[in-house]
Amino acid sequence: MAILKVKNLFKHYKNAKYVSARNISFEVREGEIFGFLGINGAGKSTTIKCITGIIPFTAGSIEVCGHDIANDSYNAKKNYGFVPDNHAVYDKLTGVEYINYLADLYKVPEDIRKENFERLIKLFNLEHAVNNQIMGYSHGMKQKISIIGALIHSPKLWILDEPMVGLDPQSIFEVKKHMREYADKGNAVFFSSHNLDTVEKLCDRALIVHGGRVIKEIDLHQYRKTGKDLEKEFIELTQAATKQQNEDRALLKEREAEIATTNGKSKASKMIMKEIKNELDTEIAATLPNKPQEVASEG
């Protein structure tokens, strides 16, 4: 069963000459840890912000436990816990106050929040600091309280964006162990990381994106049997994709410069933006159901 479904996701920021997410589709199933990979600027952060409902998307659909993030955001958000890469927490609250605040938002019953809280602070060795203001926490401690906050309501989907940055080796071990245990209970873990070695050893499947597009999905159980090196393949794939991306962007600049010679820079930029929008609209239309075949070939 799919806990997270992303289908034909497009995200184009206003006045941007490049599309941040372009027809991205994948599923994260119950019982698995799903790795999300890409170099900086590949579209990972944009995709995660769309999944979590932080930003709206241009087209496509995202479901969490069957709830559409755009049309049923309340129920979709109840079913995930999110650990961002910047451990965004309320510094003036104590650890206890912060966790209780989140538990109140998710309407976690008193007995369940107490059980989860005591288990998680012990797991991440924060018992000594939970009554202190978060502003006095180290980077690693803030990351830990952020992780606890994401799990206090026992979500079906646990979304982690570079969760191990700043953690000590013991804490990293505990996070990885808990990720596996959490998935094995029938939940799903969506794990975005630059640490390819950890992804290769820990995840069940992985998706590589580049330039806002999916370039490969890998079944890591089968992959590990082949003896292939994920890091080597990742570098080869992303280098090839970067080369193509640079060539495409160079052609776009040449096209804009050519238009500017007769229309001026300002008008040339507007004309390029219109061309990009028309191209994107055609690509989006081709993904929609019940569309005549000829629509996909227009333009």
Protein backbone atom coordinates (compact mmCIF):
# COMPACT_ATOMS: atom_id res chain seq x y z
CA MET A 1 0.00 0.00 0.00
CA ALA A 2 1.29 3.47 -0.89
CA ILE A 3 1.57 5.92 2.02
CA LEU A 4 2.74 8.76 -0.24
CA LYS A 5 1.76 9.21 -3.89
CA VAL A 6 3.28 11.93 -6.04
CA LYS A 7 1.92 12.00 -9.57
CA ASN A 8 2.94 14.26 -12.46
CA LEU A 9 4.20 16.99 -10.12
CA PHE A 10 5.10 20.31 -11.73
CA LYS A 11 6.32 23.43 -9.94
CA HIS A 12 7.23 26.60 -11.80
CA TYR A 13 8.00 29.68 -9.74
CA LYS A 14 6.65 32.94 -11.17
CA ASN A 15 9.06 34.65 -13.57
CA ALA A 16 11.59 31.81 -13.28
CA LYS A 17 13.25 30.69 -16.51
CA TYR A 18 13.70 27.14 -15.23
CA VAL A 19 11.10 24.67 -13.97
CA SER A 20 11.88 23.43 -10.45
CA ALA A 21 9.83 20.22 -10.65
CA ARG A 22 8.91 18.72 -14.00
CA ASN A 23 6.59 15.72 -14.19
CA ILE A 24 7.90 14.01 -11.04
CA SER A 25 6.07 10.80 -10.11
CA PHE A 26 6.80 8.18 -7.43
CA GLU A 27 5.25 6.27 -4.53
CA VAL A 28 6.49 5.52 -1.02
CA ARG A 29 5.01 2.29 0.32
CA GLU A 30 4.30 1.16 3.84
CA GLY A 31 7.18 -0.72 5.43
CA GLU A 32 9.93 0.97 3.41
CA ILE A 33 12.58 3.65 3.68
CA PHE A 34 12.65 5.66 0.47
CA GLY A 35 15.78 7.63 -0.42
CA PHE A 36 15.45 10.94 -2.27
CA LEU A 37 18.68 11.97 -3.97
CA GLY A 38 20.04 14.83 -6.04
CA ILE A 39 22.72 17.48 -6.14
CA ASN A 40 22.04 21.01 -4.86
CA GLY A 41 19.48 22.69 -7.09
CA ALA A 42 18.09 19.38 -8.38
CA GLY A 43 14.56 20.14 -7.17
CA LYS A 44 14.60 18.14 -3.92
CA SER A 45 13.70 21.01 -1.59
CA THR A 46 10.95 22.23 -3.89
CA THR A 47 9.46 18.72 -4.10
CA ILE A 48 9.56 18.32 -0.32
CA LYS A 49 7.90 21.72 0.18
CA CYS A 50 5.14 20.66 -2.21
CA ILE A 51 4.69 17.31 -0.43
CA THR A 52 4.40 19.00 2.96
CA GLY A 53 2.05 21.71 1.70
CA ILE A 54 4.50 24.52 2.44
CA ILE A 55 4.18 25.82 -1.12
CA PRO A 56 1.49 25.28 -3.79
CA PHE A 57 2.42 23.43 -6.95
CA THR A 58 1.65 24.22 -10.57
CA ALA A 59 0.12 20.88 -11.54
CA GLY A 60 -0.11 17.24 -10.52
CA SER A 61 -1.32 15.57 -7.34
CA ILE A 62 0.13 14.56 -3.98
CA GLU A 63 -1.61 12.19 -1.57
CA VAL A 64 -0.64 11.21 1.96
CA CYS A 65 -2.55 8.14 3.16
CA GLY A 66 -5.13 8.82 0.45
CA HIS A 67 -5.63 12.46 1.42
CA ASP A 68 -4.88 15.08 -1.24
CA ILE A 69 -2.46 17.70 0.11
CA ALA A 70 -4.08 20.45 -1.97
CA ASN A 71 -7.76 19.65 -1.35
CA ASP A 72 -7.64 17.89 2.02
CA SER A 73 -4.54 19.37 3.61
CA TYR A 74 -5.75 18.96 7.21
CA ASN A 75 -6.04 15.18 7.00
CA ALA A 76 -2.95 14.86 4.81
CA LYS A 77 -0.82 16.79 7.29
CA LYS A 78 -2.13 14.76 10.24
CA ASN A 79 -0.51 11.70 8.69
CA TYR A 80 3.07 12.93 8.31
CA GLY A 81 5.83 14.20 10.55
CA PHE A 82 8.44 16.49 8.99
CA VAL A 83 12.04 17.07 10.04
CA PRO A 84 13.37 19.99 7.92
CA ASP A 85 17.05 20.55 7.24
CA ASN A 86 17.09 23.75 9.34
CA HIS A 87 15.55 22.27 12.54
CA ALA A 88 12.95 25.09 12.67
CA VAL A 89 11.85 25.23 16.32
CA TYR A 90 10.55 27.87 18.73
CA ASP A 91 13.67 28.94 20.63
CA LYS A 92 11.87 30.64 23.54
CA LEU A 93 9.96 27.49 24.48
CA THR A 94 11.40 24.71 26.59
CA GLY A 95 11.68 21.27 25.04
CA VAL A 96 8.63 20.07 26.98
CA GLU A 97 6.58 23.12 25.95
CA TYR A 98 7.53 22.69 22.30
CA ILE A 99 6.59 19.00 22.20
CA ASN A 100 3.32 19.64 24.06
CA TYR A 101 2.52 22.47 21.63
CA LEU A 102 2.91 20.08 18.68
CA ALA A 103 0.99 17.34 20.48
CA ASP A 104 -1.86 19.80 21.03
CA LEU A 105 -1.85 20.74 17.33
CA TYR A 106 -2.14 17.07 16.39
CA LYS A 107 -4.66 16.41 19.20
CA VAL A 108 -2.58 13.59 20.65
CA PRO A 109 -4.31 12.04 23.70
CA GLU A 110 -2.57 12.65 27.01
CA ASP A 111 -1.63 9.03 27.66
CA ILE A 112 -0.18 8.51 24.16
CA ARG A 113 1.81 11.77 24.16
CA LYS A 114 3.26 10.92 27.59
CA GLU A 115 4.28 7.45 26.43
CA ASN A 116 5.78 8.72 23.15
CA PHE A 117 7.52 11.66 24.81
CA GLU A 118 9.20 9.61 27.52
CA ARG A 119 10.30 6.95 25.05
CA LEU A 120 11.69 9.45 22.51
CA ILE A 121 13.58 11.71 24.92
CA LYS A 122 15.23 8.63 26.36
CA LEU A 123 16.02 7.29 22.88
CA PHE A 124 17.69 10.56 21.86
CA ASN A 125 19.26 11.27 25.27
CA LEU A 126 17.46 14.57 25.92
CA GLU A 127 16.13 13.83 29.38
CA HIS A 128 18.53 16.33 30.95
CA ALA A 129 17.51 19.22 28.66
CA VAL A 130 13.76 19.00 28.07
CA ASN A 131 12.97 21.59 30.76
CA ASN A 132 15.48 24.10 29.36
CA GLN A 133 14.76 26.75 26.73
CA ILE A 134 15.56 25.55 23.23
CA MET A 135 17.63 28.69 22.58
CA GLY A 136 20.28 27.17 24.82
CA TYR A 137 20.40 23.90 22.89
CA SER A 138 23.31 22.93 20.67
CA HIS A 139 22.73 22.34 16.95
CA GLY A 140 22.49 18.59 17.53
CA MET A 141 20.04 18.99 20.43
CA LYS A 142 17.79 21.20 18.29
CA GLN A 143 17.85 18.53 15.61
CA LYS A 144 16.86 15.91 18.18
CA ILE A 145 13.93 17.93 19.56
CA SER A 146 12.80 18.52 15.97
CA ILE A 147 12.83 14.77 15.34
CA ILE A 148 10.86 14.11 18.54
CA GLY A 149 8.33 16.77 17.51
CA ALA A 150 7.85 15.07 14.14
CA LEU A 151 7.11 11.72 15.80
CA ILE A 152 5.02 12.73 18.81
CA HIS A 153 1.74 11.96 16.96
CA SER A 154 2.97 8.62 15.53
CA PRO A 155 2.48 9.58 11.85
CA LYS A 156 2.28 7.01 9.07
CA LEU A 157 4.80 8.98 7.02
CA TRP A 158 8.07 10.31 8.46
CA ILE A 159 9.73 12.89 6.18
CA LEU A 160 13.38 13.66 6.88
CA ASP A 161 15.44 16.27 5.03
CA GLU A 162 19.13 15.83 5.92
CA PRO A 163 18.24 14.81 9.50
CA MET A 164 21.71 13.75 10.63
CA VAL A 165 23.59 17.00 10.07
CA GLY A 166 25.15 18.07 13.36
CA LEU A 167 24.37 14.85 15.20
CA ASP A 168 27.05 12.90 17.07
CA PRO A 169 27.83 9.32 15.94
CA GLN A 170 25.71 7.74 18.69
CA SER A 171 22.69 9.87 17.76
CA ILE A 172 23.17 9.11 14.05
CA PHE A 173 23.15 5.41 14.91
CA GLU A 174 19.95 5.82 16.93
CA VAL A 175 18.21 7.79 14.16
CA LYS A 176 19.08 5.17 11.54
CA LYS A 177 18.00 2.36 13.85
CA HIS A 178 14.71 4.10 14.59
CA MET A 179 14.08 4.76 10.89
CA ARG A 180 14.32 1.03 10.19
CA GLU A 181 12.17 0.11 13.17
CA TYR A 182 9.60 2.74 12.26
CA ALA A 183 9.26 1.45 8.71
CA ASP A 184 9.13 -2.16 9.87
CA LYS A 185 6.02 -1.31 11.90
CA GLY A 186 4.13 -0.63 8.67
CA ASN A 187 4.94 3.06 8.39
CA ALA A 188 6.95 4.75 5.65
CA VAL A 189 10.09 6.91 5.80
CA PHE A 190 10.93 9.48 3.12
CA PHE A 191 14.63 10.25 3.51
CA SER A 192 16.39 13.04 1.61
CA SER A 193 20.16 12.97 2.03
CA HIS A 194 23.50 13.68 0.39
CA ASN A 195 25.02 10.76 2.28
CA LEU A 196 24.92 8.13 -0.46
CA ASP A 197 26.59 5.46 1.65
CA THR A 198 23.84 5.70 4.28
CA VAL A 199 21.12 5.69 1.63
CA GLU A 200 22.61 2.63 -0.09
CA LYS A 201 22.81 0.65 3.15
CA LEU A 202 19.59 1.81 4.81
CA CYS A 203 16.98 2.42 2.11
CA ASP A 204 14.77 -0.02 0.24
CA ARG A 205 14.43 2.14 -2.86
CA ALA A 206 15.86 5.45 -4.02
CA LEU A 207 14.94 8.12 -6.55
CA ILE A 208 17.50 10.37 -8.22
CA VAL A 209 16.30 13.74 -9.50
CA HIS A 210 18.16 16.37 -11.48
CA GLY A 211 17.01 19.63 -13.00
CA GLY A 212 13.55 19.01 -11.60
CA ARG A 213 13.21 15.67 -13.41
CA VAL A 214 13.43 12.03 -12.33
CA ILE A 215 16.51 10.47 -13.90
CA LYS A 216 16.43 7.06 -12.20
CA GLU A 217 14.59 4.96 -9.62
CA ILE A 218 16.55 2.14 -7.98
CA ASP A 219 15.45 -0.96 -6.10
CA LEU A 220 18.30 -1.07 -3.61
CA HIS A 221 17.63 -4.65 -2.52
CA GLN A 222 18.36 -5.84 -6.05
CA TYR A 223 21.06 -3.22 -6.53
CA ARG A 224 23.11 -4.40 -3.56
CA LYS A 225 23.17 -7.94 -5.01
CA THR A 226 24.85 -6.67 -8.19
CA GLY A 227 27.82 -5.21 -6.33
CA LYS A 228 27.37 -1.86 -8.04
CA ASP A 229 28.49 1.38 -6.38
CA LEU A 230 25.64 3.86 -5.82
CA GLU A 231 28.01 6.79 -5.40
CA LYS A 232 29.74 6.05 -8.71
CA GLU A 233 26.46 5.67 -10.58
CA PHE A 234 25.02 8.79 -8.97
CA ILE A 235 28.01 10.86 -10.07
CA GLU A 236 27.91 9.47 -13.61
CA LEU A 237 24.17 10.11 -13.97
CA THR A 238 24.22 13.60 -12.50
CA GLN A 239 27.31 14.66 -14.46
CA ALA A 240 25.64 13.59 -17.71
CA ALA A 241 22.42 15.34 -16.70
CA THR A 242 24.32 18.50 -15.72
CA LYS A 243 26.08 18.56 -19.09
CA GLN A 244 22.74 18.32 -20.90
CA GLN A 245 21.22 20.93 -18.59
CA ASN A 246 24.07 23.36 -19.28
CA GLU A 247 23.70 22.85 -23.02
CA ASP A 248 19.95 23.51 -22.81
CA ARG A 249 20.49 26.65 -20.75
CA ALA A 250 23.14 27.90 -23.18
CA LEU A 251 20.71 27.47 -26.07
CA LEU A 252 18.06 29.37 -24.11
CA LYS A 253 20.47 32.26 -23.52
CA GLU A 254 21.38 32.31 -27.20
CA ARG A 255 17.70 32.37 -28.11
CA GLU A 256 17.06 35.26 -25.72
CA ALA A 257 20.09 37.19 -27.00
CA GLU A 258 18.90 36.68 -30.57
CA ILE A 259 15.44 38.06 -29.75
CA ALA A 260 17.00 40.97 -27.84
CA THR A 261 18.89 42.21 -30.94
CA THR A 262 15.60 43.26 -32.54
CA ASN A 263 13.23 43.62 -29.57
CA GLY A 264 15.41 44.78 -26.67
CA LYS A 265 16.39 42.90 -23.50
CA SER A 266 13.20 43.56 -21.54
CA LYS A 267 10.88 42.36 -24.28
CA ALA A 268 13.14 39.43 -25.10
CA SER A 269 12.93 38.23 -21.48
CA LYS A 270 9.13 38.46 -21.55
CA MET A 271 8.95 36.59 -24.85
CA ILE A 272 11.19 33.81 -23.49
CA MET A 273 9.02 33.53 -20.38
CA LYS A 274 5.93 33.20 -22.57
CA GLU A 275 7.61 30.48 -24.62
CA ILE A 276 8.56 28.61 -21.44
CA LYS A 277 5.00 28.88 -20.11
CA ASN A 278 3.49 27.65 -23.38
CA GLU A 279 5.91 24.71 -23.45
CA LEU A 280 5.10 23.88 -19.83
CA ASP A 281 1.34 24.14 -20.41
CA THR A 282 1.63 21.70 -23.32
CA GLU A 283 3.67 19.26 -21.23
CA ILE A 284 1.19 19.46 -18.35
CA ALA A 285 -1.76 18.98 -20.70
CA ALA A 286 -0.15 15.77 -21.99
CA THR A 287 -0.23 14.31 -18.45
CA LEU A 288 -3.92 14.96 -17.90
CA PRO A 289 -6.44 12.10 -18.35
CA ASN A 290 -8.92 11.94 -21.21
CA LYS A 291 -6.96 14.34 -23.39
CA PRO A 292 -6.98 13.94 -27.18
CA GLN A 293 -3.68 12.51 -28.42
CA GLU A 294 -2.97 15.54 -30.59
CA VAL A 295 -2.79 17.87 -27.56
CA ALA A 296 0.53 16.31 -26.49
CA SER A 297 2.08 17.15 -29.86
CA GLU A 298 0.96 20.77 -30.08
CA GLY A 299 3.61 23.46 -30.23
